[in-house]
């Protein structure tokens, strides 16, 4: 955990208070119906559960095909049978 100095914490607290003041002033400047609709949409967004994580790709699949001319080389075929050991 990062430790911050007392001055840094106080500065952040002042910034937070100032942002809240600005948000309150902005909400008061909106028409009542618009402000209420905005508040409802924010509440709905906060209550919504987080998105589900997309399914993982199967093992060994590449995320996208190789660029033309950069395909993987085929396995080497020597054309000779292996010698017995």
PDB file of N, CA and C in Angstrom:
ATOM      1  N   UNK A   1       0.839  -1.176   0.000  1.00  0.00           N
ATOM      2  CA  UNK A   1       0.000   0.000   0.000  1.00  0.00           C
ATOM      3  C   UNK A   1       0.885   1.241   0.000  1.00  0.00           C
ATOM      4  N   UNK A   2       0.491   2.197  -0.797  1.00  0.00           N
ATOM      5  CA  UNK A   2       1.280   3.418  -0.898  1.00  0.00           C
ATOM      6  C   UNK A   2       0.913   4.373   0.223  1.00  0.00           C
ATOM      7  N   UNK A   3       1.923   4.952   0.813  1.00  0.00           N
ATOM      8  CA  UNK A   3       1.679   5.944   1.852  1.00  0.00           C
ATOM      9  C   UNK A   3       1.806   7.329   1.221  1.00  0.00           C
ATOM     10  N   UNK A   4       0.875   8.205   1.604  1.00  0.00           N
ATOM     11  CA  UNK A   4       0.919   9.577   1.126  1.00  0.00           C
ATOM     12  C   UNK A   4       1.118  10.500   2.318  1.00  0.00           C
ATOM     13  N   UNK A   5       1.745  11.621   2.048  1.00  0.00           N
ATOM     14  CA  UNK A   5       1.982  12.579   3.128  1.00  0.00           C
ATOM     15  C   UNK A   5       0.661  13.218   3.551  1.00  0.00           C
ATOM     16  N   UNK A   6       0.691  13.828   4.706  1.00  0.00           N
ATOM     17  CA  UNK A   6      -0.503  14.489   5.238  1.00  0.00           C
ATOM     18  C   UNK A   6      -0.957  15.586   4.279  1.00  0.00           C
ATOM     19  N   UNK A   7      -0.010  16.325   3.732  1.00  0.00           N
ATOM     20  CA  UNK A   7      -0.363  17.389   2.789  1.00  0.00           C
ATOM     21  C   UNK A   7      -1.029  16.819   1.540  1.00  0.00           C
ATOM     22  N   UNK A   8      -0.523  15.689   1.046  1.00  0.00           N
ATOM     23  CA  UNK A   8      -1.120  15.057  -0.133  1.00  0.00           C
ATOM     24  C   UNK A   8      -2.551  14.610   0.160  1.00  0.00           C
ATOM     25  N   UNK A   9      -2.775  14.004   1.308  1.00  0.00           N
ATOM     26  CA  UNK A   9      -4.135  13.564   1.673  1.00  0.00           C
ATOM     27  C   UNK A   9      -5.073  14.762   1.793  1.00  0.00           C
ATOM     28  N   UNK A  10      -4.592  15.845   2.401  1.00  0.00           N
ATOM     29  CA  UNK A  10      -5.422  17.044   2.543  1.00  0.00           C
ATOM     30  C   UNK A  10      -5.734  17.649   1.185  1.00  0.00           C
ATOM     31  N   UNK A  11      -4.746  17.682   0.295  1.00  0.00           N
ATOM     32  CA  UNK A  11      -4.963  18.227  -1.045  1.00  0.00           C
ATOM     33  C   UNK A  11      -6.012  17.403  -1.785  1.00  0.00           C
ATOM     34  N   UNK A  12      -5.920  16.083  -1.682  1.00  0.00           N
ATOM     35  CA  UNK A  12      -6.901  15.221  -2.352  1.00  0.00           C
ATOM     36  C   UNK A  12      -8.297  15.418  -1.758  1.00  0.00           C
ATOM     37  N   UNK A  13      -8.377  15.587  -0.450  1.00  0.00           N
ATOM     38  CA  UNK A  13      -9.679  15.819   0.187  1.00  0.00           C
ATOM     39  C   UNK A  13     -10.284  17.127  -0.314  1.00  0.00           C
ATOM     40  N   UNK A  14      -9.454  18.187  -0.425  1.00  0.00           N
ATOM     41  CA  UNK A  14      -9.942  19.471  -0.947  1.00  0.00           C
ATOM     42  C   UNK A  14     -10.420  19.320  -2.391  1.00  0.00           C
ATOM     43  N   UNK A  15      -9.670  18.568  -3.193  1.00  0.00           N
ATOM     44  CA  UNK A  15     -10.068  18.349  -4.588  1.00  0.00           C
ATOM     45  C   UNK A  15     -11.408  17.619  -4.657  1.00  0.00           C
ATOM     46  N   UNK A  16     -11.589  16.618  -3.813  1.00  0.00           N
ATOM     47  CA  UNK A  16     -12.838  15.856  -3.804  1.00  0.00           C
ATOM     48  C   UNK A  16     -14.012  16.758  -3.438  1.00  0.00           C
ATOM     49  N   UNK A  17     -13.821  17.595  -2.420  1.00  0.00           N
ATOM     50  CA  UNK A  17     -14.875  18.519  -2.015  1.00  0.00           C
ATOM     51  C   UNK A  17     -15.208  19.480  -3.144  1.00  0.00           C
ATOM     52  N   UNK A  18     -14.183  19.985  -3.828  1.00  0.00           N
ATOM     53  CA  UNK A  18     -14.396  20.932  -4.925  1.00  0.00           C
ATOM     54  C   UNK A  18     -15.146  20.279  -6.080  1.00  0.00           C
ATOM     55  N   UNK A  19     -14.806  19.037  -6.392  1.00  0.00           N
ATOM     56  CA  UNK A  19     -15.499  18.323  -7.463  1.00  0.00           C
ATOM     57  C   UNK A  19     -16.970  18.144  -7.100  1.00  0.00           C
ATOM     58  N   UNK A  20     -17.255  17.805  -5.839  1.00  0.00           N
ATOM     59  CA  UNK A  20     -18.646  17.658  -5.409  1.00  0.00           C
ATOM     60  C   UNK A  20     -19.402  18.983  -5.528  1.00  0.00           C
ATOM     61  N   UNK A  21     -18.746  20.081  -5.174  1.00  0.00           N
ATOM     62  CA  UNK A  21     -19.376  21.400  -5.315  1.00  0.00           C
ATOM     63  C   UNK A  21     -19.717  21.679  -6.774  1.00  0.00           C
ATOM     64  N   UNK A  22     -18.773  21.386  -7.662  1.00  0.00           N
ATOM     65  CA  UNK A  22     -18.991  21.639  -9.085  1.00  0.00           C
ATOM     66  C   UNK A  22     -20.127  20.758  -9.612  1.00  0.00           C
ATOM     67  N   UNK A  23     -20.154  19.483  -9.205  1.00  0.00           N
ATOM     68  CA  UNK A  23     -21.219  18.578  -9.641  1.00  0.00           C
ATOM     69  C   UNK A  23     -22.582  19.063  -9.145  1.00  0.00           C
ATOM     70  N   UNK A  24     -22.644  19.496  -7.878  1.00  0.00           N
ATOM     71  CA  UNK A  24     -23.909  19.997  -7.338  1.00  0.00           C
ATOM     72  C   UNK A  24     -24.383  21.231  -8.096  1.00  0.00           C
ATOM     73  N   UNK A  25     -23.469  22.144  -8.382  1.00  0.00           N
ATOM     74  CA  UNK A  25     -23.835  23.349  -9.121  1.00  0.00           C
ATOM     75  C   UNK A  25     -24.313  22.993 -10.526  1.00  0.00           C
ATOM     76  N   UNK A  26     -23.671  22.032 -11.145  1.00  0.00           N
ATOM     77  CA  UNK A  26     -24.073  21.616 -12.494  1.00  0.00           C
ATOM     78  C   UNK A  26     -25.469  20.992 -12.470  1.00  0.00           C
ATOM     79  N   UNK A  27     -25.716  20.116 -11.467  1.00  0.00           N
ATOM     80  CA  UNK A  27     -27.030  19.479 -11.372  1.00  0.00           C
ATOM     81  C   UNK A  27     -28.124  20.523 -11.131  1.00  0.00           C
ATOM     82  N   UNK A  28     -27.831  21.551 -10.351  1.00  0.00           N
ATOM     83  CA  UNK A  28     -28.820  22.602 -10.092  1.00  0.00           C
ATOM     84  C   UNK A  28     -29.083  23.439 -11.336  1.00  0.00           C
ATOM     85  N   UNK A  29     -28.110  23.512 -12.245  1.00  0.00           N
ATOM     86  CA  UNK A  29     -28.295  24.314 -13.456  1.00  0.00           C
ATOM     87  C   UNK A  29     -29.144  23.592 -14.499  1.00  0.00           C
ATOM     88  N   UNK A  30     -29.332  22.285 -14.343  1.00  0.00           N
ATOM     89  CA  UNK A  30     -30.143  21.514 -15.289  1.00  0.00           C
ATOM     90  C   UNK A  30     -31.624  21.658 -14.970  1.00  0.00           C
ATOM     91  N   UNK A  31     -32.477  21.519 -15.992  1.00  0.00           N
ATOM     92  CA  UNK A  31     -33.911  21.468 -15.692  1.00  0.00           C
ATOM     93  C   UNK A  31     -34.221  20.252 -14.806  1.00  0.00           C
ATOM     94  N   UNK A  32     -35.258  20.344 -14.012  1.00  0.00           N
ATOM     95  CA  UNK A  32     -35.571  19.297 -13.033  1.00  0.00           C
ATOM     96  C   UNK A  32     -35.774  17.940 -13.694  1.00  0.00           C
ATOM     97  N   UNK A  33     -36.480  17.904 -14.813  1.00  0.00           N
ATOM     98  CA  UNK A  33     -36.756  16.630 -15.481  1.00  0.00           C
ATOM     99  C   UNK A  33     -35.464  15.999 -16.002  1.00  0.00           C
ATOM    100  N   UNK A  34     -34.592  16.808 -16.549  1.00  0.00           N
ATOM    101  CA  UNK A  34     -33.319  16.307 -17.071  1.00  0.00           C
ATOM    102  C   UNK A  34     -32.440  15.795 -15.940  1.00  0.00           C
ATOM    103  N   UNK A  35     -32.385  16.537 -14.851  1.00  0.00           N
ATOM    104  CA  UNK A  35     -31.563  16.122 -13.709  1.00  0.00           C
ATOM    105  C   UNK A  35     -32.085  14.815 -13.126  1.00  0.00           C
ATOM    106  N   UNK A  36     -33.412  14.662 -13.052  1.00  0.00           N
ATOM    107  CA  UNK A  36     -33.987  13.439 -12.511  1.00  0.00           C
ATOM    108  C   UNK A  36     -33.703  12.252 -13.428  1.00  0.00           C
ATOM    109  N   UNK A  37     -33.829  12.464 -14.735  1.00  0.00           N
ATOM    110  CA  UNK A  37     -33.542  11.390 -15.687  1.00  0.00           C
ATOM    111  C   UNK A  37     -32.073  10.986 -15.609  1.00  0.00           C
ATOM    112  N   UNK A  38     -31.205  11.971 -15.471  1.00  0.00           N
ATOM    113  CA  UNK A  38     -29.768  11.687 -15.360  1.00  0.00           C
ATOM    114  C   UNK A  38     -29.481  10.889 -14.088  1.00  0.00           C
ATOM    115  N   UNK A  39     -30.081  11.299 -12.981  1.00  0.00           N
ATOM    116  CA  UNK A  39     -29.865  10.599 -11.710  1.00  0.00           C
ATOM    117  C   UNK A  39     -30.362   9.153 -11.803  1.00  0.00           C
ATOM    118  N   UNK A  40     -31.509   8.937 -12.465  1.00  0.00           N
ATOM    119  CA  UNK A  40     -32.023   7.572 -12.633  1.00  0.00           C
ATOM    120  C   UNK A  40     -31.076   6.730 -13.480  1.00  0.00           C
ATOM    121  N   UNK A  41     -30.546   7.311 -14.561  1.00  0.00           N
ATOM    122  CA  UNK A  41     -29.649   6.539 -15.422  1.00  0.00           C
ATOM    123  C   UNK A  41     -28.341   6.208 -14.708  1.00  0.00           C
ATOM    124  N   UNK A  42     -27.845   7.119 -13.879  1.00  0.00           N
ATOM    125  CA  UNK A  42     -26.624   6.851 -13.108  1.00  0.00           C
ATOM    126  C   UNK A  42     -26.883   5.746 -12.093  1.00  0.00           C
ATOM    127  N   UNK A  43     -28.036   5.810 -11.428  1.00  0.00           N
ATOM    128  CA  UNK A  43     -28.373   4.789 -10.436  1.00  0.00           C
ATOM    129  C   UNK A  43     -28.494   3.415 -11.098  1.00  0.00           C
ATOM    130  N   UNK A  44     -29.136   3.372 -12.266  1.00  0.00           N
ATOM    131  CA  UNK A  44     -29.295   2.101 -12.984  1.00  0.00           C
ATOM    132  C   UNK A  44     -27.936   1.544 -13.412  1.00  0.00           C
ATOM    133  N   UNK A  45     -27.050   2.417 -13.850  1.00  0.00           N
ATOM    134  CA  UNK A  45     -25.720   1.967 -14.275  1.00  0.00           C
ATOM    135  C   UNK A  45     -24.924   1.422 -13.093  1.00  0.00           C
ATOM    136  N   UNK A  46     -25.054   2.034 -11.936  1.00  0.00           N
ATOM    137  CA  UNK A  46     -24.313   1.564 -10.756  1.00  0.00           C
ATOM    138  C   UNK A  46     -24.871   0.247 -10.219  1.00  0.00           C
ATOM    139  N   UNK A  47     -26.170   0.028 -10.394  1.00  0.00           N
ATOM    140  CA  UNK A  47     -26.781  -1.212  -9.908  1.00  0.00           C
ATOM    141  C   UNK A  47     -26.543  -2.384 -10.857  1.00  0.00           C
ATOM    142  N   UNK A  48     -26.204  -2.077 -12.086  1.00  0.00           N
ATOM    143  CA  UNK A  48     -25.989  -3.130 -13.073  1.00  0.00           C
ATOM    144  C   UNK A  48     -24.754  -3.945 -12.695  1.00  0.00           C
ATOM    145  N   UNK A  49     -24.837  -5.280 -12.803  1.00  0.00           N
ATOM    146  CA  UNK A  49     -23.668  -6.096 -12.463  1.00  0.00           C
ATOM    147  C   UNK A  49     -22.562  -5.903 -13.511  1.00  0.00           C
ATOM    148  N   UNK A  50     -21.329  -6.209 -13.151  1.00  0.00           N
ATOM    149  CA  UNK A  50     -20.246  -6.062 -14.130  1.00  0.00           C
ATOM    150  C   UNK A  50     -20.439  -7.032 -15.287  1.00  0.00           C
ATOM    151  N   UNK A  51     -19.876  -6.669 -16.435  1.00  0.00           N
ATOM    152  CA  UNK A  51     -19.989  -7.529 -17.616  1.00  0.00           C
ATOM    153  C   UNK A  51     -19.315  -8.863 -17.368  1.00  0.00           C
ATOM    154  N   UNK A  52     -19.903  -9.892 -17.996  1.00  0.00           N
ATOM    155  CA  UNK A  52     -19.280 -11.200 -17.890  1.00  0.00           C
ATOM    156  C   UNK A  52     -18.017 -11.228 -18.726  1.00  0.00           C
ATOM    157  N   UNK A  53     -17.068 -11.971 -18.244  1.00  0.00           N
ATOM    158  CA  UNK A  53     -15.805 -12.089 -18.949  1.00  0.00           C
ATOM    159  C   UNK A  53     -16.018 -12.915 -20.214  1.00  0.00           C
ATOM    160  N   UNK A  54     -15.463 -12.502 -21.353  1.00  0.00           N
ATOM    161  CA  UNK A  54     -15.643 -13.296 -22.565  1.00  0.00           C
ATOM    162  C   UNK A  54     -14.997 -14.672 -22.412  1.00  0.00           C
ATOM    163  N   UNK A  55     -15.544 -15.628 -23.134  1.00  0.00           N
ATOM    164  CA  UNK A  55     -15.029 -16.993 -23.041  1.00  0.00           C
ATOM    165  C   UNK A  55     -13.587 -17.043 -23.516  1.00  0.00           C
ATOM    166  N   UNK A  56     -12.793 -17.865 -22.836  1.00  0.00           N
ATOM    167  CA  UNK A  56     -11.410 -18.031 -23.248  1.00  0.00           C
ATOM    168  C   UNK A  56     -11.360 -18.795 -24.557  1.00  0.00           C
ATOM    169  N   UNK A  57     -10.344 -18.507 -25.332  1.00  0.00           N
ATOM    170  CA  UNK A  57     -10.175 -19.231 -26.590  1.00  0.00           C
ATOM    171  C   UNK A  57      -9.604 -20.612 -26.284  1.00  0.00           C
ATOM    172  N   UNK A  58      -9.848 -21.531 -27.202  1.00  0.00           N
ATOM    173  CA  UNK A  58      -9.328 -22.880 -27.020  1.00  0.00           C
ATOM    174  C   UNK A  58      -7.809 -22.828 -27.000  1.00  0.00           C
ATOM    175  N   UNK A  59      -7.196 -23.755 -26.278  1.00  0.00           N
ATOM    176  CA  UNK A  59      -5.744 -23.771 -26.175  1.00  0.00           C
ATOM    177  C   UNK A  59      -5.125 -23.966 -27.552  1.00  0.00           C
ATOM    178  N   UNK A  60      -4.100 -23.225 -27.815  1.00  0.00           N
ATOM    179  CA  UNK A  60      -3.357 -23.369 -29.061  1.00  0.00           C
ATOM    180  C   UNK A  60      -3.880 -22.516 -30.201  1.00  0.00           C
ATOM    181  N   UNK A  61      -5.032 -21.865 -30.052  1.00  0.00           N
ATOM    182  CA  UNK A  61      -5.527 -21.027 -31.136  1.00  0.00           C
ATOM    183  C   UNK A  61      -4.888 -19.655 -31.046  1.00  0.00           C
ATOM    184  N   UNK A  62      -4.540 -19.128 -32.170  1.00  0.00           N
ATOM    185  CA  UNK A  62      -3.938 -17.800 -32.215  1.00  0.00           C
ATOM    186  C   UNK A  62      -5.049 -16.758 -32.137  1.00  0.00           C
ATOM    187  N   UNK A  63      -4.779 -15.588 -31.585  1.00  0.00           N
ATOM    188  CA  UNK A  63      -5.818 -14.575 -31.474  1.00  0.00           C
ATOM    189  C   UNK A  63      -6.268 -14.042 -32.827  1.00  0.00           C
ATOM    190  N   UNK A  64      -5.444 -14.084 -33.814  1.00  0.00           N
ATOM    191  CA  UNK A  64      -5.826 -13.660 -35.163  1.00  0.00           C
ATOM    192  C   UNK A  64      -4.922 -14.381 -36.149  1.00  0.00           C
ATOM    193  N   UNK A  65      -5.368 -14.526 -37.380  1.00  0.00           N
ATOM    194  CA  UNK A  65      -4.547 -15.268 -38.344  1.00  0.00           C
ATOM    195  C   UNK A  65      -3.270 -14.496 -38.682  1.00  0.00           C
ATOM    196  N   UNK A  66      -2.241 -15.196 -39.130  1.00  0.00           N
ATOM    197  CA  UNK A  66      -0.998 -14.496 -39.480  1.00  0.00           C
ATOM    198  C   UNK A  66      -1.189 -13.629 -40.716  1.00  0.00           C
ATOM    199  N   UNK A  67      -0.375 -12.625 -40.841  1.00  0.00           N
ATOM    200  CA  UNK A  67      -0.436 -11.744 -42.007  1.00  0.00           C
ATOM    201  C   UNK A  67      -0.017 -12.535 -43.245  1.00  0.00           C
ATOM    202  N   UNK A  68      -0.516 -12.134 -44.411  1.00  0.00           N
ATOM    203  CA  UNK A  68      -0.095 -12.833 -45.630  1.00  0.00           C
ATOM    204  C   UNK A  68       1.420 -12.772 -45.787  1.00  0.00           C
ATOM    205  N   UNK A  69       2.007 -13.910 -46.111  1.00  0.00           N
ATOM    206  CA  UNK A  69       3.457 -13.977 -46.268  1.00  0.00           C
ATOM    207  C   UNK A  69       4.180 -14.302 -44.983  1.00  0.00           C
ATOM    208  N   UNK A  70       3.461 -14.382 -43.870  1.00  0.00           N
ATOM    209  CA  UNK A  70       4.073 -14.673 -42.574  1.00  0.00           C
ATOM    210  C   UNK A  70       3.503 -15.946 -41.969  1.00  0.00           C
ATOM    211  N   UNK A  71       2.994 -16.844 -42.802  1.00  0.00           N
ATOM    212  CA  UNK A  71       2.422 -18.085 -42.310  1.00  0.00           C
ATOM    213  C   UNK A  71       3.532 -18.945 -41.696  1.00  0.00           C
ATOM    214  N   UNK A  72       3.180 -19.798 -40.743  1.00  0.00           N
ATOM    215  CA  UNK A  72       4.204 -20.670 -40.158  1.00  0.00           C
ATOM    216  C   UNK A  72       4.705 -21.675 -41.196  1.00  0.00           C
ATOM    217  N   UNK A  73       5.978 -22.045 -41.075  1.00  0.00           N
ATOM    218  CA  UNK A  73       6.562 -22.991 -42.027  1.00  0.00           C
ATOM    219  C   UNK A  73       6.027 -24.398 -41.764  1.00  0.00           C
ATOM    220  N   UNK A  74       5.862 -25.176 -42.839  1.00  0.00           N
ATOM    221  CA  UNK A  74       5.446 -26.564 -42.622  1.00  0.00           C
ATOM    222  C   UNK A  74       6.599 -27.354 -42.010  1.00  0.00           C
ATOM    223  N   UNK A  75       6.304 -28.467 -41.338  1.00  0.00           N
ATOM    224  CA  UNK A  75       7.390 -29.254 -40.747  1.00  0.00           C
ATOM    225  C   UNK A  75       8.327 -29.775 -41.834  1.00  0.00           C
ATOM    226  N   UNK A  76       9.617 -29.862 -41.480  1.00  0.00           N
ATOM    227  CA  UNK A  76      10.626 -30.305 -42.426  1.00  0.00           C
ATOM    228  C   UNK A  76      10.456 -31.790 -42.750  1.00  0.00           C
ATOM    229  N   UNK A  77      10.509 -32.105 -44.040  1.00  0.00           N
ATOM    230  CA  UNK A  77      10.438 -33.503 -44.461  1.00  0.00           C
ATOM    231  C   UNK A  77      11.761 -33.813 -45.159  1.00  0.00           C
ATOM    232  N   UNK A  78      12.593 -34.637 -44.531  1.00  0.00           N
ATOM    233  CA  UNK A  78      13.928 -34.901 -45.105  1.00  0.00           C
ATOM    234  C   UNK A  78      13.843 -35.842 -46.286  1.00  0.00           C
ATOM    235  N   UNK A  79      12.780 -36.623 -46.427  1.00  0.00           N
ATOM    236  CA  UNK A  79      12.652 -37.536 -47.539  1.00  0.00           C
ATOM    237  C   UNK A  79      13.426 -38.842 -47.328  1.00  0.00           C
ATOM    238  N   UNK A  80      14.178 -38.919 -46.250  1.00  0.00           N
ATOM    239  CA  UNK A  80      14.934 -40.155 -45.960  1.00  0.00           C
ATOM    240  C   UNK A  80      14.318 -40.832 -44.768  1.00  0.00           C
ATOM    241  N   UNK A  81      14.259 -42.140 -44.787  1.00  0.00           N
ATOM    242  CA  UNK A  81      13.771 -42.824 -43.585  1.00  0.00           C
ATOM    243  C   UNK A  81      14.798 -42.742 -42.458  1.00  0.00           C
ATOM    244  N   UNK A  82      14.311 -42.745 -41.249  1.00  0.00           N
ATOM    245  CA  UNK A  82      15.242 -42.679 -40.111  1.00  0.00           C
ATOM    246  C   UNK A  82      15.985 -44.002 -39.986  1.00  0.00           C
ATOM    247  N   UNK A  83      17.235 -43.904 -39.605  1.00  0.00           N
ATOM    248  CA  UNK A  83      18.020 -45.124 -39.386  1.00  0.00           C
ATOM    249  C   UNK A  83      17.623 -45.738 -38.084  1.00  0.00           C
ATOM    250  N   UNK A  84      17.619 -47.032 -38.039  1.00  0.00           N
ATOM    251  CA  UNK A  84      17.315 -47.735 -36.800  1.00  0.00           C
ATOM    252  C   UNK A  84      18.445 -47.605 -35.817  1.00  0.00           C
ATOM    253  N   UNK A  85      18.173 -47.574 -34.600  1.00  0.00           N
ATOM    254  CA  UNK A  85      19.210 -47.396 -33.595  1.00  0.00           C
ATOM    255  C   UNK A  85      19.479 -48.662 -32.888  1.00  0.00           C
TER     256      UNK A  85
END
